[in-house]
């Protein structure tokens, strides 16, 4: 009986846990305008952020594009988890911090 209760509790926890999509952070299209563009990185690589509709992608050195998922205000991870990007709007420019995983 105790094992059945533990199993039921575990199943219930899975059902009420938020899905990955529900954890995504919403960024308004007007905020995305701060992000789109090309960024020369300090290591010589070039990061390009492009978007269409409500989707955004990153390209690093012209490689295949990686889908971006917002996780905070102007903060993204690639869907594959390879990059974490943080953007900081400054006067006349936007600074980006890239963490490679």
PDB file of N, CA and C in Angstrom:
ATOM      1  N   UNK A   1       0.818  -1.194   0.000  1.00  0.00           N
ATOM      2  CA  UNK A   1       0.000   0.000   0.000  1.00  0.00           C
ATOM      3  C   UNK A   1       0.863   1.259   0.000  1.00  0.00           C
ATOM      4  N   UNK A   2       1.947   1.255   0.813  1.00  0.00           N
ATOM      5  CA  UNK A   2       2.831   2.414   0.892  1.00  0.00           C
ATOM      6  C   UNK A   2       3.512   2.642  -0.458  1.00  0.00           C
ATOM      7  N   UNK A   3       3.935   1.564  -1.125  1.00  0.00           N
ATOM      8  CA  UNK A   3       4.574   1.685  -2.428  1.00  0.00           C
ATOM      9  C   UNK A   3       3.611   2.271  -3.456  1.00  0.00           C
ATOM     10  N   UNK A   4       2.351   1.899  -3.377  1.00  0.00           N
ATOM     11  CA  UNK A   4       1.344   2.434  -4.296  1.00  0.00           C
ATOM     12  C   UNK A   4       1.163   3.931  -4.080  1.00  0.00           C
ATOM     13  N   UNK A   5       1.150   4.371  -2.818  1.00  0.00           N
ATOM     14  CA  UNK A   5       1.015   5.798  -2.521  1.00  0.00           C
ATOM     15  C   UNK A   5       2.211   6.589  -3.031  1.00  0.00           C
ATOM     16  N   UNK A   6       3.396   6.046  -2.877  1.00  0.00           N
ATOM     17  CA  UNK A   6       4.611   6.716  -3.371  1.00  0.00           C
ATOM     18  C   UNK A   6       4.554   6.829  -4.889  1.00  0.00           C
ATOM     19  N   UNK A   7       4.138   5.756  -5.563  1.00  0.00           N
ATOM     20  CA  UNK A   7       4.027   5.765  -7.018  1.00  0.00           C
ATOM     21  C   UNK A   7       2.994   6.780  -7.474  1.00  0.00           C
ATOM     22  N   UNK A   8       1.848   6.825  -6.815  1.00  0.00           N
ATOM     23  CA  UNK A   8       0.810   7.794  -7.165  1.00  0.00           C
ATOM     24  C   UNK A   8       1.289   9.229  -6.933  1.00  0.00           C
ATOM     25  N   UNK A   9       2.020   9.453  -5.855  1.00  0.00           N
ATOM     26  CA  UNK A   9       2.548  10.786  -5.573  1.00  0.00           C
ATOM     27  C   UNK A   9       3.545  11.206  -6.649  1.00  0.00           C
ATOM     28  N   UNK A  10       4.379  10.282  -7.103  1.00  0.00           N
ATOM     29  CA  UNK A  10       5.352  10.586  -8.157  1.00  0.00           C
ATOM     30  C   UNK A  10       4.646  10.908  -9.468  1.00  0.00           C
ATOM     31  N   UNK A  11       3.602  10.147  -9.805  1.00  0.00           N
ATOM     32  CA  UNK A  11       2.837  10.423 -11.025  1.00  0.00           C
ATOM     33  C   UNK A  11       2.132  11.773 -10.953  1.00  0.00           C
ATOM     34  N   UNK A  12       1.583  12.103  -9.802  1.00  0.00           N
ATOM     35  CA  UNK A  12       0.911  13.378  -9.625  1.00  0.00           C
ATOM     36  C   UNK A  12       1.899  14.539  -9.773  1.00  0.00           C
ATOM     37  N   UNK A  13       3.090  14.374  -9.242  1.00  0.00           N
ATOM     38  CA  UNK A  13       4.119  15.418  -9.370  1.00  0.00           C
ATOM     39  C   UNK A  13       4.471  15.655 -10.832  1.00  0.00           C
ATOM     40  N   UNK A  14       4.523  14.602 -11.638  1.00  0.00           N
ATOM     41  CA  UNK A  14       4.802  14.752 -13.062  1.00  0.00           C
ATOM     42  C   UNK A  14       3.678  15.474 -13.782  1.00  0.00           C
ATOM     43  N   UNK A  15       2.449  15.207 -13.378  1.00  0.00           N
ATOM     44  CA  UNK A  15       1.304  15.834 -14.029  1.00  0.00           C
ATOM     45  C   UNK A  15       1.196  17.321 -13.734  1.00  0.00           C
ATOM     46  N   UNK A  16       1.559  17.758 -12.531  1.00  0.00           N
ATOM     47  CA  UNK A  16       1.436  19.161 -12.182  1.00  0.00           C
ATOM     48  C   UNK A  16       2.708  19.957 -12.436  1.00  0.00           C
ATOM     49  N   UNK A  17       3.802  19.292 -12.768  1.00  0.00           N
ATOM     50  CA  UNK A  17       5.041  20.013 -13.073  1.00  0.00           C
ATOM     51  C   UNK A  17       4.846  20.808 -14.351  1.00  0.00           C
ATOM     52  N   UNK A  18       5.327  22.055 -14.380  1.00  0.00           N
ATOM     53  CA  UNK A  18       5.154  22.857 -15.594  1.00  0.00           C
ATOM     54  C   UNK A  18       5.949  22.275 -16.739  1.00  0.00           C
ATOM     55  N   UNK A  19       5.390  22.355 -17.926  1.00  0.00           N
ATOM     56  CA  UNK A  19       6.089  21.864 -19.105  1.00  0.00           C
ATOM     57  C   UNK A  19       7.224  22.813 -19.441  1.00  0.00           C
ATOM     58  N   UNK A  20       8.126  22.391 -20.320  1.00  0.00           N
ATOM     59  CA  UNK A  20       9.244  23.230 -20.739  1.00  0.00           C
ATOM     60  C   UNK A  20       8.723  24.506 -21.381  1.00  0.00           C
ATOM     61  N   UNK A  21       7.658  24.400 -22.161  1.00  0.00           N
ATOM     62  CA  UNK A  21       7.113  25.583 -22.822  1.00  0.00           C
ATOM     63  C   UNK A  21       6.547  26.564 -21.802  1.00  0.00           C
ATOM     64  N   UNK A  22       5.969  26.058 -20.719  1.00  0.00           N
ATOM     65  CA  UNK A  22       5.394  26.940 -19.713  1.00  0.00           C
ATOM     66  C   UNK A  22       6.479  27.690 -18.954  1.00  0.00           C
ATOM     67  N   UNK A  23       7.702  27.183 -18.930  1.00  0.00           N
ATOM     68  CA  UNK A  23       8.791  27.860 -18.235  1.00  0.00           C
ATOM     69  C   UNK A  23       9.446  28.920 -19.106  1.00  0.00           C
ATOM     70  N   UNK A  24       9.146  28.931 -20.415  1.00  0.00           N
ATOM     71  CA  UNK A  24       9.714  29.932 -21.302  1.00  0.00           C
ATOM     72  C   UNK A  24       9.288  31.317 -20.849  1.00  0.00           C
ATOM     73  N   UNK A  25      10.166  32.261 -21.041  1.00  0.00           N
ATOM     74  CA  UNK A  25       9.898  33.648 -20.678  1.00  0.00           C
ATOM     75  C   UNK A  25       9.385  34.371 -21.915  1.00  0.00           C
ATOM     76  N   UNK A  26       8.367  35.172 -21.759  1.00  0.00           N
ATOM     77  CA  UNK A  26       7.821  35.891 -22.908  1.00  0.00           C
ATOM     78  C   UNK A  26       8.576  37.199 -23.114  1.00  0.00           C
ATOM     79  N   UNK A  27       9.000  37.426 -24.346  1.00  0.00           N
ATOM     80  CA  UNK A  27       9.630  38.686 -24.724  1.00  0.00           C
ATOM     81  C   UNK A  27       8.801  39.280 -25.844  1.00  0.00           C
ATOM     82  N   UNK A  28       8.390  40.512 -25.665  1.00  0.00           N
ATOM     83  CA  UNK A  28       7.564  41.198 -26.657  1.00  0.00           C
ATOM     84  C   UNK A  28       8.364  41.450 -27.932  1.00  0.00           C
ATOM     85  N   UNK A  29       7.694  41.460 -29.088  1.00  0.00           N
ATOM     86  CA  UNK A  29       8.391  41.730 -30.345  1.00  0.00           C
ATOM     87  C   UNK A  29       9.188  43.039 -30.317  1.00  0.00           C
ATOM     88  N   UNK A  30       8.681  44.052 -29.632  1.00  0.00           N
ATOM     89  CA  UNK A  30       9.418  45.322 -29.560  1.00  0.00           C
ATOM     90  C   UNK A  30      10.731  45.169 -28.795  1.00  0.00           C
ATOM     91  N   UNK A  31      10.762  44.276 -27.784  1.00  0.00           N
ATOM     92  CA  UNK A  31      12.002  44.016 -27.051  1.00  0.00           C
ATOM     93  C   UNK A  31      13.006  43.269 -27.915  1.00  0.00           C
ATOM     94  N   UNK A  32      12.497  42.425 -28.811  1.00  0.00           N
ATOM     95  CA  UNK A  32      13.387  41.644 -29.682  1.00  0.00           C
ATOM     96  C   UNK A  32      14.164  42.541 -30.638  1.00  0.00           C
ATOM     97  N   UNK A  33      13.642  43.731 -30.925  1.00  0.00           N
ATOM     98  CA  UNK A  33      14.359  44.646 -31.800  1.00  0.00           C
ATOM     99  C   UNK A  33      15.725  45.016 -31.226  1.00  0.00           C
ATOM    100  N   UNK A  34      15.857  44.967 -29.901  1.00  0.00           N
ATOM    101  CA  UNK A  34      17.141  45.244 -29.243  1.00  0.00           C
ATOM    102  C   UNK A  34      18.161  44.138 -29.492  1.00  0.00           C
ATOM    103  N   UNK A  35      17.690  42.966 -29.911  1.00  0.00           N
ATOM    104  CA  UNK A  35      18.530  41.772 -29.991  1.00  0.00           C
ATOM    105  C   UNK A  35      18.966  41.445 -31.422  1.00  0.00           C
ATOM    106  N   UNK A  36      18.091  41.648 -32.395  1.00  0.00           N
ATOM    107  CA  UNK A  36      18.394  41.266 -33.776  1.00  0.00           C
ATOM    108  C   UNK A  36      19.614  42.014 -34.284  1.00  0.00           C
ATOM    109  N   UNK A  37      20.477  41.292 -34.988  1.00  0.00           N
ATOM    110  CA  UNK A  37      21.635  41.931 -35.585  1.00  0.00           C
ATOM    111  C   UNK A  37      22.853  41.032 -35.552  1.00  0.00           C
ATOM    112  N   UNK A  38      23.989  41.625 -35.881  1.00  0.00           N
ATOM    113  CA  UNK A  38      25.262  40.911 -35.942  1.00  0.00           C
ATOM    114  C   UNK A  38      26.181  41.449 -34.857  1.00  0.00           C
ATOM    115  N   UNK A  39      26.835  40.534 -34.142  1.00  0.00           N
ATOM    116  CA  UNK A  39      27.701  40.896 -33.026  1.00  0.00           C
ATOM    117  C   UNK A  39      29.089  40.284 -33.215  1.00  0.00           C
ATOM    118  N   UNK A  40      30.126  41.097 -33.399  1.00  0.00           N
ATOM    119  CA  UNK A  40      31.478  40.554 -33.398  1.00  0.00           C
ATOM    120  C   UNK A  40      31.862  40.225 -31.951  1.00  0.00           C
ATOM    121  N   UNK A  41      32.335  39.014 -31.723  1.00  0.00           N
ATOM    122  CA  UNK A  41      32.685  38.578 -30.370  1.00  0.00           C
ATOM    123  C   UNK A  41      34.174  38.777 -30.123  1.00  0.00           C
ATOM    124  N   UNK A  42      34.557  38.832 -28.863  1.00  0.00           N
ATOM    125  CA  UNK A  42      35.944  39.117 -28.497  1.00  0.00           C
ATOM    126  C   UNK A  42      36.922  38.032 -28.957  1.00  0.00           C
ATOM    127  N   UNK A  43      36.435  36.809 -29.200  1.00  0.00           N
ATOM    128  CA  UNK A  43      37.327  35.728 -29.647  1.00  0.00           C
ATOM    129  C   UNK A  43      37.440  35.658 -31.172  1.00  0.00           C
ATOM    130  N   UNK A  44      36.862  36.641 -31.879  1.00  0.00           N
ATOM    131  CA  UNK A  44      36.927  36.667 -33.332  1.00  0.00           C
ATOM    132  C   UNK A  44      35.726  36.042 -34.022  1.00  0.00           C
ATOM    133  N   UNK A  45      34.899  35.316 -33.294  1.00  0.00           N
ATOM    134  CA  UNK A  45      33.685  34.736 -33.870  1.00  0.00           C
ATOM    135  C   UNK A  45      32.659  35.841 -34.135  1.00  0.00           C
ATOM    136  N   UNK A  46      31.690  35.533 -34.973  1.00  0.00           N
ATOM    137  CA  UNK A  46      30.609  36.470 -35.270  1.00  0.00           C
ATOM    138  C   UNK A  46      29.283  35.786 -34.962  1.00  0.00           C
ATOM    139  N   UNK A  47      28.468  36.444 -34.148  1.00  0.00           N
ATOM    140  CA  UNK A  47      27.155  35.944 -33.763  1.00  0.00           C
ATOM    141  C   UNK A  47      26.108  36.750 -34.507  1.00  0.00           C
ATOM    142  N   UNK A  48      25.176  36.071 -35.162  1.00  0.00           N
ATOM    143  CA  UNK A  48      24.079  36.749 -35.849  1.00  0.00           C
ATOM    144  C   UNK A  48      22.773  36.264 -35.247  1.00  0.00           C
ATOM    145  N   UNK A  49      21.926  37.210 -34.849  1.00  0.00           N
ATOM    146  CA  UNK A  49      20.606  36.901 -34.304  1.00  0.00           C
ATOM    147  C   UNK A  49      19.583  37.353 -35.331  1.00  0.00           C
ATOM    148  N   UNK A  50      18.716  36.442 -35.733  1.00  0.00           N
ATOM    149  CA  UNK A  50      17.679  36.755 -36.717  1.00  0.00           C
ATOM    150  C   UNK A  50      16.354  36.217 -36.213  1.00  0.00           C
ATOM    151  N   UNK A  51      15.284  36.761 -36.726  1.00  0.00           N
ATOM    152  CA  UNK A  51      13.976  36.332 -36.265  1.00  0.00           C
ATOM    153  C   UNK A  51      12.935  36.400 -37.348  1.00  0.00           C
ATOM    154  N   UNK A  52      11.854  35.702 -37.103  1.00  0.00           N
ATOM    155  CA  UNK A  52      10.703  35.696 -37.996  1.00  0.00           C
ATOM    156  C   UNK A  52       9.480  35.412 -37.147  1.00  0.00           C
ATOM    157  N   UNK A  53       8.537  36.338 -37.159  1.00  0.00           N
ATOM    158  CA  UNK A  53       7.356  36.148 -36.317  1.00  0.00           C
ATOM    159  C   UNK A  53       7.746  36.150 -34.857  1.00  0.00           C
ATOM    160  N   UNK A  54       7.323  35.123 -34.130  1.00  0.00           N
ATOM    161  CA  UNK A  54       7.656  35.047 -32.709  1.00  0.00           C
ATOM    162  C   UNK A  54       8.828  34.107 -32.441  1.00  0.00           C
ATOM    163  N   UNK A  55       9.614  33.800 -33.453  1.00  0.00           N
ATOM    164  CA  UNK A  55      10.762  32.899 -33.287  1.00  0.00           C
ATOM    165  C   UNK A  55      12.062  33.645 -33.553  1.00  0.00           C
ATOM    166  N   UNK A  56      13.121  33.214 -32.858  1.00  0.00           N
ATOM    167  CA  UNK A  56      14.436  33.814 -33.054  1.00  0.00           C
ATOM    168  C   UNK A  56      15.472  32.701 -33.139  1.00  0.00           C
ATOM    169  N   UNK A  57      16.528  32.969 -33.921  1.00  0.00           N
ATOM    170  CA  UNK A  57      17.606  32.007 -34.108  1.00  0.00           C
ATOM    171  C   UNK A  57      18.954  32.691 -33.965  1.00  0.00           C
ATOM    172  N   UNK A  58      19.937  31.904 -33.583  1.00  0.00           N
ATOM    173  CA  UNK A  58      21.317  32.378 -33.512  1.00  0.00           C
ATOM    174  C   UNK A  58      22.134  31.602 -34.525  1.00  0.00           C
ATOM    175  N   UNK A  59      23.075  32.293 -35.170  1.00  0.00           N
ATOM    176  CA  UNK A  59      24.061  31.660 -36.047  1.00  0.00           C
ATOM    177  C   UNK A  59      25.422  32.107 -35.562  1.00  0.00           C
ATOM    178  N   UNK A  60      26.302  31.171 -35.335  1.00  0.00           N
ATOM    179  CA  UNK A  60      27.655  31.468 -34.893  1.00  0.00           C
ATOM    180  C   UNK A  60      28.604  31.146 -36.034  1.00  0.00           C
ATOM    181  N   UNK A  61      29.274  32.158 -36.560  1.00  0.00           N
ATOM    182  CA  UNK A  61      30.193  32.002 -37.691  1.00  0.00           C
ATOM    183  C   UNK A  61      29.524  31.373 -38.908  1.00  0.00           C
ATOM    184  N   UNK A  62      28.272  31.692 -39.137  1.00  0.00           N
ATOM    185  CA  UNK A  62      27.573  31.204 -40.319  1.00  0.00           C
ATOM    186  C   UNK A  62      27.187  29.740 -40.269  1.00  0.00           C
ATOM    187  N   UNK A  63      27.303  29.099 -39.107  1.00  0.00           N
ATOM    188  CA  UNK A  63      26.908  27.698 -38.986  1.00  0.00           C
ATOM    189  C   UNK A  63      25.392  27.587 -39.052  1.00  0.00           C
ATOM    190  N   UNK A  64      24.905  26.381 -38.965  1.00  0.00           N
ATOM    191  CA  UNK A  64      23.460  26.139 -38.970  1.00  0.00           C
ATOM    192  C   UNK A  64      22.810  26.915 -37.829  1.00  0.00           C
ATOM    193  N   UNK A  65      21.640  27.485 -38.087  1.00  0.00           N
ATOM    194  CA  UNK A  65      20.994  28.295 -37.068  1.00  0.00           C
ATOM    195  C   UNK A  65      20.467  27.435 -35.920  1.00  0.00           C
ATOM    196  N   UNK A  66      20.476  28.037 -34.734  1.00  0.00           N
ATOM    197  CA  UNK A  66      20.023  27.379 -33.514  1.00  0.00           C
ATOM    198  C   UNK A  66      18.836  28.166 -32.964  1.00  0.00           C
ATOM    199  N   UNK A  67      17.757  27.476 -32.670  1.00  0.00           N
ATOM    200  CA  UNK A  67      16.537  28.111 -32.151  1.00  0.00           C
ATOM    201  C   UNK A  67      16.803  28.669 -30.769  1.00  0.00           C
ATOM    202  N   UNK A  68      16.374  29.911 -30.517  1.00  0.00           N
ATOM    203  CA  UNK A  68      16.538  30.545 -29.214  1.00  0.00           C
ATOM    204  C   UNK A  68      15.257  30.436 -28.398  1.00  0.00           C
ATOM    205  N   UNK A  69      15.420  30.194 -27.106  1.00  0.00           N
ATOM    206  CA  UNK A  69      14.315  30.141 -26.163  1.00  0.00           C
ATOM    207  C   UNK A  69      14.606  31.179 -25.089  1.00  0.00           C
ATOM    208  N   UNK A  70      13.677  32.098 -24.878  1.00  0.00           N
ATOM    209  CA  UNK A  70      13.852  33.133 -23.859  1.00  0.00           C
ATOM    210  C   UNK A  70      13.695  32.515 -22.472  1.00  0.00           C
ATOM    211  N   UNK A  71      14.631  32.852 -21.582  1.00  0.00           N
ATOM    212  CA  UNK A  71      14.567  32.355 -20.209  1.00  0.00           C
ATOM    213  C   UNK A  71      14.548  33.500 -19.194  1.00  0.00           C
ATOM    214  N   UNK A  72      14.628  34.720 -19.670  1.00  0.00           N
ATOM    215  CA  UNK A  72      14.604  35.894 -18.805  1.00  0.00           C
ATOM    216  C   UNK A  72      14.579  37.137 -19.664  1.00  0.00           C
ATOM    217  N   UNK A  73      14.572  38.302 -19.038  1.00  0.00           N
ATOM    218  CA  UNK A  73      14.573  39.542 -19.809  1.00  0.00           C
ATOM    219  C   UNK A  73      15.846  39.642 -20.652  1.00  0.00           C
ATOM    220  N   UNK A  74      15.690  39.586 -21.953  1.00  0.00           N
ATOM    221  CA  UNK A  74      16.807  39.633 -22.905  1.00  0.00           C
ATOM    222  C   UNK A  74      17.874  38.587 -22.597  1.00  0.00           C
ATOM    223  N   UNK A  75      17.427  37.415 -22.151  1.00  0.00           N
ATOM    224  CA  UNK A  75      18.323  36.288 -21.859  1.00  0.00           C
ATOM    225  C   UNK A  75      17.757  35.050 -22.547  1.00  0.00           C
ATOM    226  N   UNK A  76      18.624  34.330 -23.268  1.00  0.00           N
ATOM    227  CA  UNK A  76      18.197  33.205 -24.081  1.00  0.00           C
ATOM    228  C   UNK A  76      19.139  32.023 -23.910  1.00  0.00           C
ATOM    229  N   UNK A  77      18.618  30.844 -24.193  1.00  0.00           N
ATOM    230  CA  UNK A  77      19.438  29.653 -24.374  1.00  0.00           C
ATOM    231  C   UNK A  77      19.043  29.068 -25.722  1.00  0.00           C
ATOM    232  N   UNK A  78      19.970  28.359 -26.342  1.00  0.00           N
ATOM    233  CA  UNK A  78      19.598  27.671 -27.570  1.00  0.00           C
ATOM    234  C   UNK A  78      18.819  26.427 -27.182  1.00  0.00           C
ATOM    235  N   UNK A  79      17.929  26.015 -28.039  1.00  0.00           N
ATOM    236  CA  UNK A  79      17.080  24.865 -27.742  1.00  0.00           C
ATOM    237  C   UNK A  79      17.926  23.632 -27.459  1.00  0.00           C
ATOM    238  N   UNK A  80      19.068  23.528 -28.119  1.00  0.00           N
ATOM    239  CA  UNK A  80      19.965  22.388 -27.905  1.00  0.00           C
ATOM    240  C   UNK A  80      20.796  22.540 -26.635  1.00  0.00           C
ATOM    241  N   UNK A  81      20.802  23.740 -26.047  1.00  0.00           N
ATOM    242  CA  UNK A  81      21.554  23.976 -24.818  1.00  0.00           C
ATOM    243  C   UNK A  81      23.015  24.297 -25.039  1.00  0.00           C
ATOM    244  N   UNK A  82      23.433  24.562 -26.279  1.00  0.00           N
ATOM    245  CA  UNK A  82      24.856  24.805 -26.553  1.00  0.00           C
ATOM    246  C   UNK A  82      25.306  26.218 -26.182  1.00  0.00           C
ATOM    247  N   UNK A  83      24.387  27.190 -26.224  1.00  0.00           N
ATOM    248  CA  UNK A  83      24.741  28.578 -25.931  1.00  0.00           C
ATOM    249  C   UNK A  83      23.758  29.191 -24.946  1.00  0.00           C
ATOM    250  N   UNK A  84      24.269  30.105 -24.137  1.00  0.00           N
ATOM    251  CA  UNK A  84      23.431  30.949 -23.299  1.00  0.00           C
ATOM    252  C   UNK A  84      23.826  32.387 -23.644  1.00  0.00           C
ATOM    253  N   UNK A  85      22.834  33.212 -23.984  1.00  0.00           N
ATOM    254  CA  UNK A  85      23.084  34.570 -24.440  1.00  0.00           C
ATOM    255  C   UNK A  85      22.374  35.567 -23.540  1.00  0.00           C
ATOM    256  N   UNK A  86      23.088  36.629 -23.165  1.00  0.00           N
ATOM    257  CA  UNK A  86      22.498  37.732 -22.405  1.00  0.00           C
ATOM    258  C   UNK A  86      22.785  39.034 -23.139  1.00  0.00           C
ATOM    259  N   UNK A  87      21.765  39.833 -23.351  1.00  0.00           N
ATOM    260  CA  UNK A  87      21.888  41.083 -24.076  1.00  0.00           C
ATOM    261  C   UNK A  87      21.655  42.246 -23.125  1.00  0.00           C
ATOM    262  N   UNK A  88      22.485  43.277 -23.267  1.00  0.00           N
ATOM    263  CA  UNK A  88      22.334  44.476 -22.453  1.00  0.00           C
ATOM    264  C   UNK A  88      22.317  45.693 -23.372  1.00  0.00           C
ATOM    265  N   UNK A  89      21.135  46.306 -23.511  1.00  0.00           N
ATOM    266  CA  UNK A  89      21.063  47.511 -24.337  1.00  0.00           C
ATOM    267  C   UNK A  89      21.840  48.661 -23.692  1.00  0.00           C
ATOM    268  N   UNK A  90      22.700  49.280 -24.476  1.00  0.00           N
ATOM    269  CA  UNK A  90      23.483  50.433 -24.046  1.00  0.00           C
ATOM    270  C   UNK A  90      23.195  51.574 -25.013  1.00  0.00           C
ATOM    271  N   UNK A  91      23.565  52.802 -24.686  1.00  0.00           N
ATOM    272  CA  UNK A  91      23.352  53.886 -25.642  1.00  0.00           C
ATOM    273  C   UNK A  91      24.062  53.590 -26.968  1.00  0.00           C
ATOM    274  N   UNK A  92      23.317  53.586 -28.038  1.00  0.00           N
ATOM    275  CA  UNK A  92      23.811  53.414 -29.403  1.00  0.00           C
ATOM    276  C   UNK A  92      24.308  52.005 -29.736  1.00  0.00           C
ATOM    277  N   UNK A  93      24.155  51.033 -28.849  1.00  0.00           N
ATOM    278  CA  UNK A  93      24.608  49.669 -29.125  1.00  0.00           C
ATOM    279  C   UNK A  93      23.932  48.687 -28.161  1.00  0.00           C
ATOM    280  N   UNK A  94      24.159  47.417 -28.385  1.00  0.00           N
ATOM    281  CA  UNK A  94      23.719  46.369 -27.465  1.00  0.00           C
ATOM    282  C   UNK A  94      24.899  45.438 -27.238  1.00  0.00           C
ATOM    283  N   UNK A  95      25.197  45.168 -25.984  1.00  0.00           N
ATOM    284  CA  UNK A  95      26.299  44.277 -25.636  1.00  0.00           C
ATOM    285  C   UNK A  95      25.759  42.882 -25.408  1.00  0.00           C
ATOM    286  N   UNK A  96      26.492  41.862 -25.873  1.00  0.00           N
ATOM    287  CA  UNK A  96      26.058  40.484 -25.685  1.00  0.00           C
ATOM    288  C   UNK A  96      27.131  39.707 -24.931  1.00  0.00           C
ATOM    289  N   UNK A  97      26.672  38.858 -24.022  1.00  0.00           N
ATOM    290  CA  UNK A  97      27.551  37.922 -23.312  1.00  0.00           C
ATOM    291  C   UNK A  97      27.156  36.524 -23.759  1.00  0.00           C
ATOM    292  N   UNK A  98      28.144  35.737 -24.191  1.00  0.00           N
ATOM    293  CA  UNK A  98      27.890  34.396 -24.709  1.00  0.00           C
ATOM    294  C   UNK A  98      28.590  33.372 -23.827  1.00  0.00           C
ATOM    295  N   UNK A  99      27.828  32.415 -23.311  1.00  0.00           N
ATOM    296  CA  UNK A  99      28.402  31.283 -22.580  1.00  0.00           C
ATOM    297  C   UNK A  99      28.230  30.048 -23.454  1.00  0.00           C
ATOM    298  N   UNK A 100      29.327  29.387 -23.751  1.00  0.00           N
ATOM    299  CA  UNK A 100      29.256  28.144 -24.536  1.00  0.00           C
ATOM    300  C   UNK A 100      29.255  26.972 -23.572  1.00  0.00           C
ATOM    301  N   UNK A 101      28.401  25.997 -23.876  1.00  0.00           N
ATOM    302  CA  UNK A 101      28.283  24.832 -22.991  1.00  0.00           C
ATOM    303  C   UNK A 101      28.710  23.582 -23.693  1.00  0.00           C
TER     304      UNK A 101
END
